[in-house]
Amino acid sequence: MASVEFRQGSAGRVSAHPHHPVAYVESGRFEVELEGKIEELSAGDSLIVGPDIQHGVRAFADGCLIDAFTPPRKDFLKGSNK
């Protein structure tokens, strides 16, 4: 799991990876792009993304996303070289 804080106007680039992410909006308001479709999420909302699906976010306001990945994102772990 990862807690990711965003400032208003910042973005998480559109990307795809083999992990199956689940995101929970702890605070703030976000524009979410999922395979070219745009949705708006706010505090209390969640999003499930399949593996290898293009996705990204942009913060409409300061906020925080809690992301969980399966399998684990080893590149997010301290000391990982992957």
C-alpha atoms as a PDB file:
ATOM      1  CA  MET A   1       0.000   0.000   0.000  1.00  0.00           C
ATOM      2  CA  ALA A   2       1.044   3.562  -0.572  1.00  0.00           C
ATOM      3  CA  SER A   3      -0.262   6.924   0.610  1.00  0.00           C
ATOM      4  CA  VAL A   4       0.244   9.503  -2.150  1.00  0.00           C
ATOM      5  CA  GLU A   5      -0.326  13.197  -1.463  1.00  0.00           C
ATOM      6  CA  PHE A   6      -1.160  15.584  -4.309  1.00  0.00           C
ATOM      7  CA  ARG A   7      -1.159  19.366  -4.476  1.00  0.00           C
ATOM      8  CA  GLN A   8      -3.875  21.090  -6.478  1.00  0.00           C
ATOM      9  CA  GLY A   9      -3.006  20.883 -10.183  1.00  0.00           C
ATOM     10  CA  SER A  10      -0.468  18.070  -9.822  1.00  0.00           C
ATOM     11  CA  ALA A  11      -0.861  14.821 -11.742  1.00  0.00           C
ATOM     12  CA  GLY A  12       0.017  11.158 -11.711  1.00  0.00           C
ATOM     13  CA  ARG A  13       1.059  10.437 -15.288  1.00  0.00           C
ATOM     14  CA  VAL A  14      -0.965   8.067 -17.418  1.00  0.00           C
ATOM     15  CA  SER A  15       0.651   4.649 -17.220  1.00  0.00           C
ATOM     16  CA  ALA A  16      -0.059   0.934 -17.212  1.00  0.00           C
ATOM     17  CA  HIS A  17       1.628  -1.861 -15.267  1.00  0.00           C
ATOM     18  CA  PRO A  18       1.017  -5.548 -14.502  1.00  0.00           C
ATOM     19  CA  HIS A  19      -0.301  -4.777 -11.016  1.00  0.00           C
ATOM     20  CA  HIS A  20      -3.973  -4.675 -10.047  1.00  0.00           C
ATOM     21  CA  PRO A  21      -4.317  -1.315  -8.225  1.00  0.00           C
ATOM     22  CA  VAL A  22      -7.160  -0.224  -5.965  1.00  0.00           C
ATOM     23  CA  ALA A  23      -7.268   3.461  -5.020  1.00  0.00           C
ATOM     24  CA  TYR A  24      -9.211   5.059  -2.175  1.00  0.00           C
ATOM     25  CA  VAL A  25      -9.641   8.853  -2.113  1.00  0.00           C
ATOM     26  CA  GLU A  26      -8.835   9.787   1.475  1.00  0.00           C
ATOM     27  CA  SER A  27      -9.205  13.515   0.777  1.00  0.00           C
ATOM     28  CA  GLY A  28      -9.450  15.953  -2.111  1.00  0.00           C
ATOM     29  CA  ARG A  29     -11.007  15.787  -5.547  1.00  0.00           C
ATOM     30  CA  PHE A  30      -9.451  14.115  -8.595  1.00  0.00           C
ATOM     31  CA  GLU A  31      -9.960  13.733 -12.316  1.00  0.00           C
ATOM     32  CA  VAL A  32      -9.232  10.107 -13.173  1.00  0.00           C
ATOM     33  CA  GLU A  33      -8.428   8.923 -16.677  1.00  0.00           C
ATOM     34  CA  LEU A  34      -9.100   5.228 -17.234  1.00  0.00           C
ATOM     35  CA  GLU A  35      -8.394   3.979 -20.772  1.00  0.00           C
ATOM     36  CA  GLY A  36      -9.195   7.429 -22.183  1.00  0.00           C
ATOM     37  CA  LYS A  37     -12.447   7.885 -20.211  1.00  0.00           C
ATOM     38  CA  ILE A  38     -12.586  10.672 -17.624  1.00  0.00           C
ATOM     39  CA  GLU A  39     -14.315  10.442 -14.217  1.00  0.00           C
ATOM     40  CA  GLU A  40     -14.279  12.654 -11.152  1.00  0.00           C
ATOM     41  CA  LEU A  41     -13.651  11.168  -7.713  1.00  0.00           C
ATOM     42  CA  SER A  42     -13.775  12.826  -4.298  1.00  0.00           C
ATOM     43  CA  ALA A  43     -13.181  11.887  -0.661  1.00  0.00           C
ATOM     44  CA  GLY A  44     -14.671   8.483   0.155  1.00  0.00           C
ATOM     45  CA  ASP A  45     -14.700   7.238  -3.460  1.00  0.00           C
ATOM     46  CA  SER A  46     -12.628   4.311  -4.696  1.00  0.00           C
ATOM     47  CA  LEU A  47     -11.437   2.939  -8.013  1.00  0.00           C
ATOM     48  CA  ILE A  48     -10.376  -0.533  -9.095  1.00  0.00           C
ATOM     49  CA  VAL A  49      -8.065  -0.775 -12.103  1.00  0.00           C
ATOM     50  CA  GLY A  50      -7.248  -3.999 -13.899  1.00  0.00           C
ATOM     51  CA  PRO A  51      -3.675  -4.957 -14.733  1.00  0.00           C
ATOM     52  CA  ASP A  52      -2.155  -3.326 -17.826  1.00  0.00           C
ATOM     53  CA  ILE A  53      -4.971  -0.722 -18.036  1.00  0.00           C
ATOM     54  CA  GLN A  54      -3.891   2.851 -18.908  1.00  0.00           C
ATOM     55  CA  HIS A  55      -4.749   5.150 -15.982  1.00  0.00           C
ATOM     56  CA  GLY A  56      -3.744   8.480 -14.452  1.00  0.00           C
ATOM     57  CA  VAL A  57      -5.017  11.227 -12.128  1.00  0.00           C
ATOM     58  CA  ARG A  58      -5.024  15.006 -11.815  1.00  0.00           C
ATOM     59  CA  ALA A  59      -5.771  16.790  -8.540  1.00  0.00           C
ATOM     60  CA  PHE A  60      -8.507  19.444  -8.612  1.00  0.00           C
ATOM     61  CA  ALA A  61      -7.632  20.219  -4.966  1.00  0.00           C
ATOM     62  CA  ASP A  62      -4.991  19.171  -2.437  1.00  0.00           C
ATOM     63  CA  GLY A  63      -5.683  15.554  -1.548  1.00  0.00           C
ATOM     64  CA  CYS A  64      -4.465  12.081  -0.749  1.00  0.00           C
ATOM     65  CA  LEU A  65      -4.918   8.718  -2.464  1.00  0.00           C
ATOM     66  CA  ILE A  66      -4.363   5.417  -0.686  1.00  0.00           C
ATOM     67  CA  ASP A  67      -3.227   2.873  -3.287  1.00  0.00           C
ATOM     68  CA  ALA A  68      -3.020  -0.882  -2.778  1.00  0.00           C
ATOM     69  CA  PHE A  69      -1.388  -3.164  -5.357  1.00  0.00           C
ATOM     70  CA  THR A  70      -1.443  -6.869  -6.033  1.00  0.00           C
ATOM     71  CA  PRO A  71       1.077  -8.261  -6.614  1.00  0.00           C
ATOM     72  CA  PRO A  72       3.040  -5.828  -4.431  1.00  0.00           C
ATOM     73  CA  ARG A  73       4.870  -2.949  -6.163  1.00  0.00           C
ATOM     74  CA  LYS A  74       8.414  -3.925  -5.240  1.00  0.00           C
ATOM     75  CA  ASP A  75       9.646  -0.702  -6.855  1.00  0.00           C
ATOM     76  CA  PHE A  76       7.818   1.187  -4.050  1.00  0.00           C
ATOM     77  CA  LEU A  77       9.584  -0.719  -1.270  1.00  0.00           C
ATOM     78  CA  LYS A  78      12.630   0.757   0.468  1.00  0.00           C
ATOM     79  CA  GLY A  79      15.882  -0.797  -0.640  1.00  0.00           C
ATOM     80  CA  SER A  80      14.377  -2.378  -3.742  1.00  0.00           C
ATOM     81  CA  ASN A  81      16.446  -2.384  -6.917  1.00  0.00           C
ATOM     82  CA  LYS A  82      13.486  -3.370  -9.131  1.00  0.00           C
END
